[in-house]
Amino acid sequence: MDIILRRSLPKLREKLLEALQAVLPIVAIVLVLCFTVAPVSPSILLCFLLGAAMIVVGIMFFTLGAEMSMTPMGERVGAVITRSRKLPLILVLGFLLGFLITISEPDLQVLADQVPSIPSGTLILSVAAGVGLFLVFAFLRMLIGVALPKLLVLFYGLIFLLAAFVPKEFLAVAFDSGGVTTGPMTVPFIMALGVGVSAIRSDRHAADDSFGLVAMCSIGPILAVLTLGIAFRAADSTYIPPVLPEVADSVELWQLFREGLPTYLAEIARSLLPIVLMFGAFQLIALRLDRRTLGRIGVGLVYTYIGLVLFLTGANVGFMPAGNYLGQVLTGGGMRWVIIPIGMLIGYFIVKAEPAVYVLNKQVEEVTDGAISARAMGLALSAGVSISVGLAMVRVLTGISILWFLVPGYAFAISISFVVPKLFTAIAFDAGGVASGPMTATFLLPLAQGACVAVGGNIVTDAFGVVAMVAMTPLITVQMMGLVAQLRTRKARTAQPAAVLATVFADLPDDAIIEL
């Protein structure tokens, strides 16, 4: 155990630098706003800064912990499930895994607590059932080898058909739930499950099909909440904004965070417990890993626990009130449209601070042997999220229905999936779920809510939907990246024969006679 801890120290330093690069641009943007166009109280600013420090340390521990524990656990469990070749067992275990992991997801709790029209317990159970069902569909897709674009057409067609019969109070929340479900707890495990399941296949499309589980699991919550909207009468409750902190000194500031820590210590313990128990059962029955491997996974789980507790405490206590207040201040004056470019700028950088984005980018780079670099994925995600946040702020200011953005956006994304390489399509739809994580739920959503309050809009129909917009645009940007790569490859192949002939002719003497 001591050896594992010592060997992880250099990795922690590396992760700390990555976390600083991700979070410091957001801090810089907020500081510039606070000292220029959006003055805030010292209490809010200090809470934001301490929250940022906790987020940095949280990302450092979480990203290393996910590499050491969640990823190897998911790969081994996925391989064991599918190696049995017993379809009923695969289906039952797939549903249970999806259901338990979703209930464990902190992002979903954050969203459920902010939705005024649906009881949080009802929303969480509905979403968990949807994820469990669609994880089963995802397993079947990988085992049978069904093309992902065909399923996307089928299920998103069903989504938009149901949307026509659902009260508007449920629309934005339904699409938001599809985004937040695939957060820092779910993504590392589910993506690793995909690698484990595809490992038993020997065909050339196995690596392509290892992606796409997150995409399928994002569909389930949307359909579940839309179905809930048809069968369930929304409660007539009002939106309760986050409490703006007021602290007199540094001791009161720490007291504010210290009061929040026990909540997240218990919440993350409850979140990790089902996964640990499930893995323990697999270890006793089928895996039987050696003590060294188990020790590494155990240290990784501790790092994951520490990281998520610090991250969520910093995000909820420090970032959420700051985001809400900034939204109110920026749209409360005469230049309310300034929220659009500012939102786009924040969106560009905030996706880099999403913990699960690191997991996706690293796995994409590994599975593609560097053909799709982590840096290229990061740029594609940042561009997509920036556009989506700008469109979300347009919705907040104008009250335009979210369907005017989602229907054409998904129609275009699914249309180009038939001409883009399969791997890029699966990665793109996974990336949409990954990009809409806890930073979106705890900063961008409160920012939109604060702006909506300032302009007198409807919180449920206008402010909610930010997560859905963030989840949609990476589908387009990543696939466009794939389309460009495909066109470059074709161009290179076309130019290659001509280049070879030119080389042959160049080697001939000037007086040579060429017979045709």
Protein backbone atom coordinates (compact mmCIF):
# COMPACT_ATOMS: atom_id res chain seq x y z
CA MET A 1 0.00 0.00 0.00
CA ASP A 2 2.85 2.39 0.86
CA ILE A 3 4.47 1.68 -2.50
CA ILE A 4 1.19 2.47 -4.32
CA LEU A 5 0.82 5.75 -2.42
CA ARG A 6 4.42 6.80 -3.13
CA ARG A 7 4.11 5.99 -6.83
CA SER A 8 0.92 8.03 -7.10
CA LEU A 9 2.56 11.26 -5.81
CA PRO A 10 4.18 12.23 -9.16
CA LYS A 11 0.83 11.54 -10.85
CA LEU A 12 -0.93 13.80 -8.34
CA ARG A 13 1.44 16.65 -9.22
CA GLU A 14 0.69 16.10 -12.91
CA LYS A 15 -3.07 16.12 -12.24
CA LEU A 16 -2.72 19.28 -10.14
CA LEU A 17 -1.19 21.14 -13.09
CA GLU A 18 -4.01 19.90 -15.36
CA ALA A 19 -6.63 21.03 -12.83
CA LEU A 20 -5.03 24.49 -12.52
CA GLN A 21 -5.00 24.87 -16.31
CA ALA A 22 -8.70 23.97 -16.37
CA VAL A 23 -10.00 26.12 -13.51
CA LEU A 24 -7.79 29.24 -13.54
CA PRO A 25 -9.25 30.64 -16.82
CA ILE A 26 -12.77 30.52 -15.29
CA VAL A 27 -11.51 32.25 -12.13
CA ALA A 28 -9.80 34.92 -14.24
CA ILE A 29 -12.97 35.60 -16.27
CA VAL A 30 -15.14 35.88 -13.15
CA LEU A 31 -12.60 38.18 -11.43
CA VAL A 32 -12.50 40.48 -14.47
CA LEU A 33 -16.32 40.63 -14.48
CA CYS A 34 -16.47 41.26 -10.73
CA PHE A 35 -14.04 44.18 -10.92
CA THR A 36 -15.64 45.75 -14.03
CA VAL A 37 -19.24 45.25 -15.21
CA ALA A 38 -20.65 42.92 -12.53
CA PRO A 39 -19.71 44.08 -9.01
CA VAL A 40 -20.35 41.49 -6.30
CA SER A 41 -20.07 41.56 -2.52
CA PRO A 42 -16.78 40.48 -0.89
CA SER A 43 -18.63 37.53 0.68
CA ILE A 44 -19.68 36.08 -2.68
CA LEU A 45 -16.23 36.67 -4.18
CA LEU A 46 -14.42 35.00 -1.27
CA CYS A 47 -16.79 32.02 -1.40
CA PHE A 48 -16.15 31.72 -5.12
CA LEU A 49 -12.36 31.79 -4.68
CA LEU A 50 -12.34 29.22 -1.86
CA GLY A 51 -14.74 27.09 -3.91
CA ALA A 52 -12.33 27.32 -6.88
CA ALA A 53 -9.44 26.14 -4.70
CA MET A 54 -11.48 23.15 -3.52
CA ILE A 55 -12.48 22.34 -7.10
CA VAL A 56 -8.82 22.34 -8.21
CA VAL A 57 -7.80 19.90 -5.47
CA GLY A 58 -10.97 17.85 -6.08
CA ILE A 59 -10.24 17.47 -9.81
CA MET A 60 -6.64 16.48 -8.99
CA PHE A 61 -7.72 13.61 -6.72
CA PHE A 62 -10.73 12.54 -8.80
CA THR A 63 -8.97 12.23 -12.17
CA LEU A 64 -6.19 10.07 -10.71
CA GLY A 65 -8.69 8.08 -8.64
CA ALA A 66 -10.83 7.34 -11.70
CA GLU A 67 -7.77 6.05 -13.60
CA MET A 68 -6.73 3.81 -10.69
CA SER A 69 -10.15 2.45 -9.68
CA MET A 70 -13.27 3.22 -11.73
CA THR A 71 -11.75 2.41 -15.13
CA PRO A 72 -10.18 -0.98 -14.24
CA MET A 73 -13.29 -1.95 -12.25
CA GLY A 74 -15.58 -1.19 -15.18
CA GLU A 75 -13.39 -3.00 -17.74
CA ARG A 76 -13.16 -6.16 -15.66
CA VAL A 77 -16.86 -6.23 -14.77
CA GLY A 78 -17.85 -5.64 -18.42
CA ALA A 79 -15.60 -8.47 -19.61
CA VAL A 80 -16.95 -10.89 -16.97
CA ILE A 81 -20.60 -10.05 -17.74
CA THR A 82 -20.27 -10.70 -21.46
CA ARG A 83 -17.88 -13.65 -21.21
CA SER A 84 -20.66 -15.71 -19.65
CA ARG A 85 -22.61 -15.53 -22.95
CA LYS A 86 -25.84 -15.90 -20.96
CA LEU A 87 -28.18 -13.29 -22.41
CA PRO A 88 -30.70 -13.18 -19.50
CA LEU A 89 -27.82 -12.67 -17.02
CA ILE A 90 -26.33 -9.91 -19.18
CA LEU A 91 -29.69 -8.10 -19.39
CA VAL A 92 -30.46 -8.33 -15.65
CA LEU A 93 -26.96 -7.25 -14.57
CA GLY A 94 -26.95 -4.46 -17.18
CA PHE A 95 -30.18 -3.01 -15.79
CA LEU A 96 -28.98 -3.27 -12.18
CA LEU A 97 -25.65 -1.64 -13.02
CA GLY A 98 -27.30 1.26 -14.82
CA PHE A 99 -29.90 1.77 -12.07
CA LEU A 100 -27.40 1.69 -9.18
CA ILE A 101 -24.78 3.88 -10.86
CA THR A 102 -27.39 6.51 -11.76
CA ILE A 103 -28.73 6.73 -8.21
CA SER A 104 -25.07 7.21 -7.23
CA GLU A 105 -24.62 10.16 -9.62
CA PRO A 106 -24.13 13.47 -7.72
CA ASP A 107 -25.04 15.57 -10.79
CA LEU A 108 -28.54 14.14 -10.85
CA GLN A 109 -29.08 15.11 -7.22
CA VAL A 110 -27.92 18.66 -8.00
CA LEU A 111 -30.44 18.95 -10.85
CA ALA A 112 -33.28 17.27 -8.93
CA ASP A 113 -32.88 19.72 -6.03
CA GLN A 114 -33.20 22.67 -8.44
CA VAL A 115 -36.35 21.47 -10.26
CA PRO A 116 -39.38 23.08 -8.59
CA SER A 117 -42.14 21.14 -10.39
CA ILE A 118 -41.16 17.47 -9.76
CA PRO A 119 -40.34 15.79 -6.40
CA SER A 120 -36.62 14.95 -6.40
CA GLY A 121 -37.18 11.28 -5.43
CA THR A 122 -39.63 10.74 -8.30
CA LEU A 123 -37.26 12.33 -10.80
CA ILE A 124 -34.22 10.35 -9.62
CA LEU A 125 -35.97 6.96 -9.70
CA SER A 126 -37.46 7.64 -13.15
CA VAL A 127 -34.09 8.66 -14.56
CA ALA A 128 -32.33 5.66 -12.96
CA ALA A 129 -34.85 3.26 -14.52
CA GLY A 130 -34.31 4.92 -17.91
CA VAL A 131 -30.52 4.56 -17.68
CA GLY A 132 -30.79 0.91 -16.60
CA LEU A 133 -33.07 0.05 -19.53
CA PHE A 134 -30.88 1.79 -22.10
CA LEU A 135 -27.68 0.29 -20.74
CA VAL A 136 -29.32 -3.06 -21.56
CA PHE A 137 -30.03 -1.79 -25.09
CA ALA A 138 -26.41 -0.62 -25.36
CA PHE A 139 -25.10 -4.05 -24.37
CA LEU A 140 -27.35 -5.70 -26.94
CA ARG A 141 -26.19 -3.26 -29.62
CA MET A 142 -22.55 -4.09 -28.95
CA LEU A 143 -23.11 -7.86 -28.84
CA ILE A 144 -25.26 -7.96 -31.99
CA GLY A 145 -23.33 -5.25 -33.83
CA VAL A 146 -26.19 -2.87 -34.71
CA ALA A 147 -25.04 0.47 -36.16
CA LEU A 148 -25.44 3.34 -33.70
CA PRO A 149 -26.90 5.87 -36.21
CA LYS A 150 -29.91 3.63 -36.90
CA LEU A 151 -30.73 3.43 -33.19
CA LEU A 152 -30.25 7.18 -32.79
CA VAL A 153 -32.81 7.83 -35.54
CA LEU A 154 -35.27 5.46 -33.88
CA PHE A 155 -34.96 6.69 -30.31
CA TYR A 156 -34.61 10.43 -30.98
CA GLY A 157 -37.57 10.18 -33.34
CA LEU A 158 -39.53 8.68 -30.43
CA ILE A 159 -38.26 11.44 -28.11
CA PHE A 160 -39.47 14.28 -30.32
CA LEU A 161 -42.75 12.48 -30.97
CA LEU A 162 -43.40 12.24 -27.21
CA ALA A 163 -42.31 15.86 -26.76
CA ALA A 164 -45.38 16.96 -28.72
CA PHE A 165 -47.67 15.56 -25.99
CA VAL A 166 -45.71 16.60 -22.88
CA PRO A 167 -46.42 19.76 -20.82
CA LYS A 168 -43.80 22.44 -21.47
CA GLU A 169 -42.73 22.33 -17.80
CA PHE A 170 -41.22 18.89 -18.44
CA LEU A 171 -39.45 19.50 -21.76
CA ALA A 172 -36.28 21.32 -20.68
CA VAL A 173 -35.96 19.24 -17.50
CA ALA A 174 -36.21 16.01 -19.53
CA PHE A 175 -33.37 16.97 -21.86
CA ASP A 176 -31.32 18.33 -18.95
CA SER A 177 -31.68 15.03 -17.09
CA GLY A 178 -30.17 13.22 -20.06
CA GLY A 179 -27.09 15.42 -19.75
CA VAL A 180 -26.50 15.38 -16.00
CA THR A 181 -26.97 11.62 -15.68
CA THR A 182 -23.65 11.01 -17.42
CA GLY A 183 -21.44 12.73 -14.84
CA PRO A 184 -18.21 12.02 -12.94
CA MET A 185 -19.50 8.89 -11.21
CA THR A 186 -21.19 7.33 -14.23
CA VAL A 187 -18.87 8.09 -17.14
CA PRO A 188 -15.62 6.38 -16.02
CA PHE A 189 -17.47 3.20 -15.08
CA ILE A 190 -19.79 3.03 -18.10
CA MET A 191 -17.04 3.85 -20.63
CA ALA A 192 -14.84 1.18 -19.08
CA LEU A 193 -17.77 -1.26 -19.26
CA GLY A 194 -17.88 -0.57 -23.01
CA VAL A 195 -14.19 -1.43 -23.39
CA GLY A 196 -14.68 -4.60 -21.34
CA VAL A 197 -17.73 -5.74 -23.31
CA SER A 198 -16.11 -5.07 -26.69
CA ALA A 199 -12.92 -6.88 -25.63
CA ILE A 200 -14.58 -10.28 -26.14
CA ARG A 201 -15.26 -9.44 -29.80
CA SER A 202 -12.48 -10.04 -32.32
CA ASP A 203 -13.94 -8.24 -35.35
CA ARG A 204 -12.50 -4.98 -36.67
CA HIS A 205 -15.48 -2.90 -35.44
CA ALA A 206 -15.07 -3.91 -31.78
CA ALA A 207 -13.02 -0.79 -30.90
CA ASP A 208 -15.58 1.46 -32.61
CA ASP A 209 -18.42 -0.11 -30.64
CA SER A 210 -16.59 0.31 -27.31
CA PHE A 211 -17.89 3.89 -27.45
CA GLY A 212 -21.60 4.68 -27.54
CA LEU A 213 -22.69 3.42 -24.11
CA VAL A 214 -22.82 6.96 -22.71
CA ALA A 215 -24.77 8.05 -25.78
CA MET A 216 -27.40 5.35 -25.23
CA CYS A 217 -27.55 5.99 -21.49
CA SER A 218 -28.26 9.69 -22.18
CA ILE A 219 -31.39 8.74 -24.16
CA GLY A 220 -33.01 6.73 -21.34
CA PRO A 221 -33.48 9.62 -18.88
CA ILE A 222 -35.02 11.85 -21.56
CA LEU A 223 -37.63 9.24 -22.48
CA ALA A 224 -38.24 8.43 -18.80
CA VAL A 225 -38.93 12.06 -17.81
CA LEU A 226 -41.06 12.67 -20.92
CA THR A 227 -43.13 9.60 -20.03
CA LEU A 228 -43.32 10.92 -16.47
CA GLY A 229 -44.59 14.21 -17.87
CA ILE A 230 -47.50 12.46 -19.59
CA ALA A 231 -48.47 10.40 -16.53
CA PHE A 232 -47.54 12.79 -13.72
CA ARG A 233 -49.13 16.10 -12.74
CA ALA A 234 -46.46 18.72 -12.07
CA ALA A 235 -46.51 20.24 -8.59
CA ASP A 236 -47.30 23.93 -8.27
CA SER A 237 -44.16 24.92 -6.40
CA THR A 238 -42.01 27.97 -6.87
CA TYR A 239 -38.33 28.28 -7.70
CA ILE A 240 -36.10 28.87 -4.66
CA PRO A 241 -32.85 30.66 -5.60
CA PRO A 242 -29.59 29.69 -3.85
CA VAL A 243 -28.88 31.61 -0.65
CA LEU A 244 -26.30 34.34 -1.23
CA PRO A 245 -23.56 34.04 1.41
CA GLU A 246 -22.80 36.82 3.87
CA VAL A 247 -19.61 36.37 5.91
CA ALA A 248 -17.89 38.89 8.19
CA ASP A 249 -14.45 37.26 8.42
CA SER A 250 -12.36 34.26 7.38
CA VAL A 251 -13.63 32.12 10.26
CA GLU A 252 -17.25 32.56 9.10
CA LEU A 253 -16.15 31.81 5.53
CA TRP A 254 -14.65 28.47 6.56
CA GLN A 255 -17.69 27.78 8.73
CA LEU A 256 -19.88 28.09 5.62
CA PHE A 257 -17.90 25.39 3.80
CA ARG A 258 -17.48 23.26 6.93
CA GLU A 259 -21.26 23.07 7.27
CA GLY A 260 -21.54 21.82 3.69
CA LEU A 261 -18.80 19.18 3.96
CA PRO A 262 -20.74 16.61 6.06
CA THR A 263 -23.57 16.66 3.49
CA TYR A 264 -21.24 15.72 0.63
CA LEU A 265 -19.19 13.29 2.75
CA ALA A 266 -22.39 11.32 3.33
CA GLU A 267 -23.72 11.81 -0.21
CA ILE A 268 -20.58 10.56 -1.98
CA ALA A 269 -20.27 7.66 0.49
CA ARG A 270 -23.83 6.61 -0.45
CA SER A 271 -22.93 7.10 -4.12
CA LEU A 272 -19.81 4.94 -4.04
CA LEU A 273 -21.21 2.23 -1.78
CA PRO A 274 -23.37 0.43 -4.41
CA ILE A 275 -20.46 0.36 -6.88
CA VAL A 276 -18.03 -0.96 -4.25
CA LEU A 277 -20.48 -3.65 -3.08
CA MET A 278 -21.22 -4.69 -6.65
CA PHE A 279 -17.51 -4.93 -7.49
CA GLY A 280 -16.90 -6.85 -4.26
CA ALA A 281 -19.53 -9.40 -5.30
CA PHE A 282 -17.90 -9.81 -8.73
CA GLN A 283 -14.50 -10.19 -7.04
CA LEU A 284 -15.72 -12.99 -4.79
CA ILE A 285 -17.68 -14.81 -7.51
CA ALA A 286 -15.66 -14.41 -10.72
CA LEU A 287 -12.78 -11.90 -10.77
CA ARG A 288 -10.46 -13.05 -7.94
CA LEU A 289 -7.91 -10.28 -8.52
CA ASP A 290 -4.57 -10.35 -6.69
CA ARG A 291 -3.91 -8.24 -3.59
CA ARG A 292 -1.70 -5.75 -5.43
CA THR A 293 -4.42 -4.95 -7.99
CA LEU A 294 -7.04 -4.69 -5.25
CA GLY A 295 -4.76 -2.38 -3.27
CA ARG A 296 -4.38 -0.06 -6.27
CA ILE A 297 -8.15 -0.03 -6.82
CA GLY A 298 -8.71 0.66 -3.09
CA VAL A 299 -6.33 3.65 -3.11
CA GLY A 300 -8.03 4.88 -6.29
CA LEU A 301 -11.45 4.69 -4.63
CA VAL A 302 -10.18 6.75 -1.68
CA TYR A 303 -8.80 9.36 -4.11
CA THR A 304 -12.12 9.35 -6.00
CA TYR A 305 -14.05 9.85 -2.77
CA ILE A 306 -11.85 12.73 -1.56
CA GLY A 307 -11.91 14.36 -5.00
CA LEU A 308 -15.68 14.26 -5.43
CA VAL A 309 -16.36 15.53 -1.88
CA LEU A 310 -14.04 18.52 -2.35
CA PHE A 311 -15.27 19.17 -5.90
CA LEU A 312 -18.98 19.14 -5.05
CA THR A 313 -18.51 21.18 -1.86
CA GLY A 314 -16.59 23.86 -3.79
CA ALA A 315 -19.02 23.82 -6.70
CA ASN A 316 -22.24 23.92 -4.66
CA VAL A 317 -21.18 26.23 -1.82
CA GLY A 318 -18.84 28.52 -3.78
CA PHE A 319 -19.78 28.44 -7.46
CA MET A 320 -23.58 28.12 -7.43
CA PRO A 321 -24.37 31.40 -5.56
CA ALA A 322 -21.72 33.26 -7.61
CA GLY A 323 -23.20 32.00 -10.90
CA ASN A 324 -26.74 32.96 -9.90
CA TYR A 325 -25.73 36.45 -8.74
CA LEU A 326 -23.59 37.13 -11.82
CA GLY A 327 -26.53 36.19 -14.05
CA GLN A 328 -28.77 38.67 -12.23
CA VAL A 329 -26.22 41.50 -12.32
CA LEU A 330 -25.23 41.04 -15.98
CA THR A 331 -28.83 41.08 -17.25
CA GLY A 332 -30.23 43.51 -14.67
CA GLY A 333 -28.84 46.63 -16.39
CA GLY A 334 -29.45 48.12 -19.82
CA MET A 335 -26.95 45.87 -21.64
CA ARG A 336 -28.63 42.53 -21.01
CA TRP A 337 -27.40 41.06 -24.32
CA VAL A 338 -23.84 41.10 -22.95
CA ILE A 339 -24.73 37.83 -21.17
CA ILE A 340 -24.49 36.03 -24.55
CA PRO A 341 -20.78 36.65 -25.36
CA ILE A 342 -19.83 36.36 -21.68
CA GLY A 343 -21.72 33.05 -21.44
CA MET A 344 -19.93 31.80 -24.57
CA LEU A 345 -16.53 32.73 -23.12
CA ILE A 346 -17.27 31.00 -19.81
CA GLY A 347 -18.64 27.95 -21.68
CA TYR A 348 -15.45 27.63 -23.73
CA PHE A 349 -13.31 27.25 -20.62
CA ILE A 350 -15.72 25.63 -18.17
CA VAL A 351 -15.89 22.32 -20.06
CA LYS A 352 -12.15 21.90 -19.40
CA ALA A 353 -12.96 21.76 -15.67
CA GLU A 354 -15.48 18.91 -16.04
CA PRO A 355 -13.92 15.89 -14.30
CA ALA A 356 -15.37 13.29 -16.70
CA VAL A 357 -13.98 15.13 -19.75
CA TYR A 358 -10.48 14.03 -18.74
CA VAL A 359 -11.62 10.41 -18.68
CA LEU A 360 -13.22 10.64 -22.13
CA ASN A 361 -10.30 12.47 -23.79
CA LYS A 362 -7.75 10.04 -22.37
CA GLN A 363 -9.74 6.96 -23.40
CA VAL A 364 -10.32 8.35 -26.92
CA GLU A 365 -6.59 8.93 -27.34
CA GLU A 366 -5.76 5.42 -26.09
CA VAL A 367 -8.39 3.54 -28.12
CA THR A 368 -7.54 5.41 -31.35
CA ASP A 369 -3.74 5.05 -30.77
CA GLY A 370 -3.35 8.82 -30.86
CA ALA A 371 -5.26 9.33 -34.13
CA ILE A 372 -7.68 11.53 -32.15
CA SER A 373 -5.58 13.43 -29.63
CA ALA A 374 -6.85 14.56 -26.24
CA ARG A 375 -6.04 18.15 -27.27
CA ALA A 376 -8.16 17.94 -30.45
CA MET A 377 -11.05 16.47 -28.47
CA GLY A 378 -10.71 19.25 -25.90
CA LEU A 379 -10.85 21.97 -28.58
CA ALA A 380 -13.90 20.38 -30.24
CA LEU A 381 -15.73 20.14 -26.91
CA SER A 382 -14.84 23.72 -25.92
CA ALA A 383 -16.08 25.10 -29.24
CA GLY A 384 -19.31 23.13 -29.00
CA VAL A 385 -20.05 24.13 -25.41
CA SER A 386 -19.27 27.78 -26.14
CA ILE A 387 -21.86 27.84 -28.95
CA SER A 388 -24.42 25.99 -26.84
CA VAL A 389 -24.15 28.37 -23.88
CA GLY A 390 -24.59 31.34 -26.22
CA LEU A 391 -27.76 29.79 -27.66
CA ALA A 392 -29.00 28.97 -24.14
CA MET A 393 -28.62 32.63 -23.12
CA VAL A 394 -30.57 33.65 -26.24
CA ARG A 395 -33.37 31.37 -24.97
CA VAL A 396 -33.24 32.98 -21.52
CA LEU A 397 -33.58 36.48 -22.98
CA THR A 398 -36.25 35.68 -25.58
CA GLY A 399 -38.24 32.78 -24.11
CA ILE A 400 -37.96 30.74 -27.34
CA SER A 401 -38.97 27.08 -26.88
CA ILE A 402 -36.03 24.71 -26.53
CA LEU A 403 -37.44 22.54 -29.32
CA TRP A 404 -36.59 25.24 -31.89
CA PHE A 405 -32.92 24.52 -31.10
CA LEU A 406 -32.93 20.82 -30.24
CA VAL A 407 -34.97 19.51 -33.20
CA PRO A 408 -32.76 20.99 -35.98
CA GLY A 409 -29.60 20.38 -33.93
CA TYR A 410 -30.27 16.67 -33.39
CA ALA A 411 -31.62 16.28 -36.94
CA PHE A 412 -28.34 17.61 -38.34
CA ALA A 413 -26.19 15.59 -35.90
CA ILE A 414 -27.98 12.33 -36.73
CA SER A 415 -28.01 13.06 -40.48
CA ILE A 416 -24.24 13.48 -40.73
CA SER A 417 -23.73 10.35 -38.59
CA PHE A 418 -24.45 8.27 -41.71
CA VAL A 419 -21.44 9.73 -43.58
CA VAL A 420 -19.01 10.20 -40.68
CA PRO A 421 -16.77 7.28 -39.56
CA LYS A 422 -18.59 5.13 -36.96
CA LEU A 423 -15.98 5.80 -34.30
CA PHE A 424 -16.44 9.58 -34.51
CA THR A 425 -20.23 9.25 -34.23
CA ALA A 426 -20.01 7.10 -31.09
CA ILE A 427 -17.40 9.43 -29.54
CA ALA A 428 -19.47 12.52 -30.41
CA PHE A 429 -22.63 11.26 -28.74
CA ASP A 430 -20.59 10.14 -25.72
CA ALA A 431 -18.96 13.58 -25.60
CA GLY A 432 -22.35 15.29 -25.46
CA GLY A 433 -23.19 13.47 -22.25
CA VAL A 434 -19.74 13.97 -20.75
CA ALA A 435 -19.54 17.73 -21.42
CA SER A 436 -22.71 18.43 -19.44
CA GLY A 437 -21.39 17.60 -15.97
CA PRO A 438 -21.36 19.16 -12.49
CA MET A 439 -19.74 22.45 -13.58
CA THR A 440 -22.66 23.00 -15.94
CA ALA A 441 -25.22 22.11 -13.26
CA THR A 442 -23.62 24.21 -10.52
CA PHE A 443 -22.44 27.30 -12.44
CA LEU A 444 -23.98 27.62 -15.90
CA LEU A 445 -27.49 26.59 -14.82
CA PRO A 446 -27.52 29.07 -11.87
CA LEU A 447 -26.10 31.72 -14.25
CA ALA A 448 -29.07 31.14 -16.57
CA GLN A 449 -31.49 31.08 -13.64
CA GLY A 450 -30.17 34.39 -12.30
CA ALA A 451 -30.45 35.95 -15.76
CA CYS A 452 -33.98 34.59 -16.12
CA VAL A 453 -35.03 36.10 -12.78
CA ALA A 454 -33.61 39.48 -13.84
CA VAL A 455 -35.53 39.56 -17.14
CA GLY A 456 -38.74 38.21 -15.58
CA GLY A 457 -38.81 34.92 -17.50
CA ASN A 458 -40.13 31.48 -16.59
CA ILE A 459 -37.41 29.56 -14.73
CA VAL A 460 -38.66 26.05 -15.61
CA THR A 461 -39.21 26.64 -19.33
CA ASP A 462 -36.53 29.26 -20.10
CA ALA A 463 -33.58 28.74 -17.70
CA PHE A 464 -33.64 24.95 -17.63
CA GLY A 465 -32.32 23.54 -20.87
CA VAL A 466 -28.76 24.85 -20.50
CA VAL A 467 -27.52 21.32 -19.77
CA ALA A 468 -29.44 20.01 -22.79
CA MET A 469 -27.89 22.63 -25.07
CA VAL A 470 -24.42 21.83 -23.74
CA ALA A 471 -25.06 18.13 -24.42
CA MET A 472 -26.20 18.78 -28.02
CA THR A 473 -23.52 20.88 -29.72
CA PRO A 474 -20.52 18.53 -29.15
CA LEU A 475 -22.44 15.98 -31.24
CA ILE A 476 -22.02 18.31 -34.19
CA THR A 477 -18.51 19.67 -33.55
CA VAL A 478 -16.87 16.27 -32.90
CA GLN A 479 -18.55 14.71 -35.95
CA MET A 480 -17.49 17.65 -38.09
CA MET A 481 -13.95 16.98 -36.86
CA GLY A 482 -14.40 13.38 -38.02
CA LEU A 483 -15.74 14.50 -41.39
CA VAL A 484 -12.72 16.77 -41.94
CA ALA A 485 -10.36 13.93 -40.98
CA GLN A 486 -12.13 11.58 -43.42
CA LEU A 487 -11.89 14.09 -46.29
CA ARG A 488 -8.18 14.66 -45.59
CA THR A 489 -7.55 10.91 -45.61
CA ARG A 490 -9.34 10.50 -48.96
CA LYS A 491 -7.43 13.43 -50.42
CA ALA A 492 -4.13 11.94 -49.27
CA ARG A 493 -5.00 8.54 -50.79
CA THR A 494 -5.99 10.18 -54.09
CA ALA A 495 -2.79 12.19 -54.24
CA GLN A 496 -0.55 9.22 -53.34
CA PRO A 497 -0.60 7.35 -56.73
CA ALA A 498 0.12 10.60 -58.59
CA ALA A 499 3.05 11.31 -56.29
CA VAL A 500 4.46 7.79 -56.85
CA LEU A 501 4.23 8.16 -60.65
CA ALA A 502 5.90 11.56 -60.50
CA THR A 503 8.79 10.01 -58.54
CA VAL A 504 9.16 7.20 -61.11
CA PHE A 505 9.20 9.61 -64.07
CA ALA A 506 11.67 11.90 -62.29
CA ASP A 507 14.17 9.03 -62.05
CA LEU A 508 14.09 8.38 -65.83
CA PRO A 509 16.76 9.93 -68.08
CA ASP A 510 15.68 12.86 -70.26
CA ASP A 511 16.02 10.87 -73.53
CA ALA A 512 14.05 7.84 -72.32
CA ILE A 513 11.18 6.64 -74.51
CA ILE A 514 8.00 5.82 -72.64
CA GLU A 515 5.74 3.24 -74.29
CA LEU A 516 2.03 3.54 -73.63
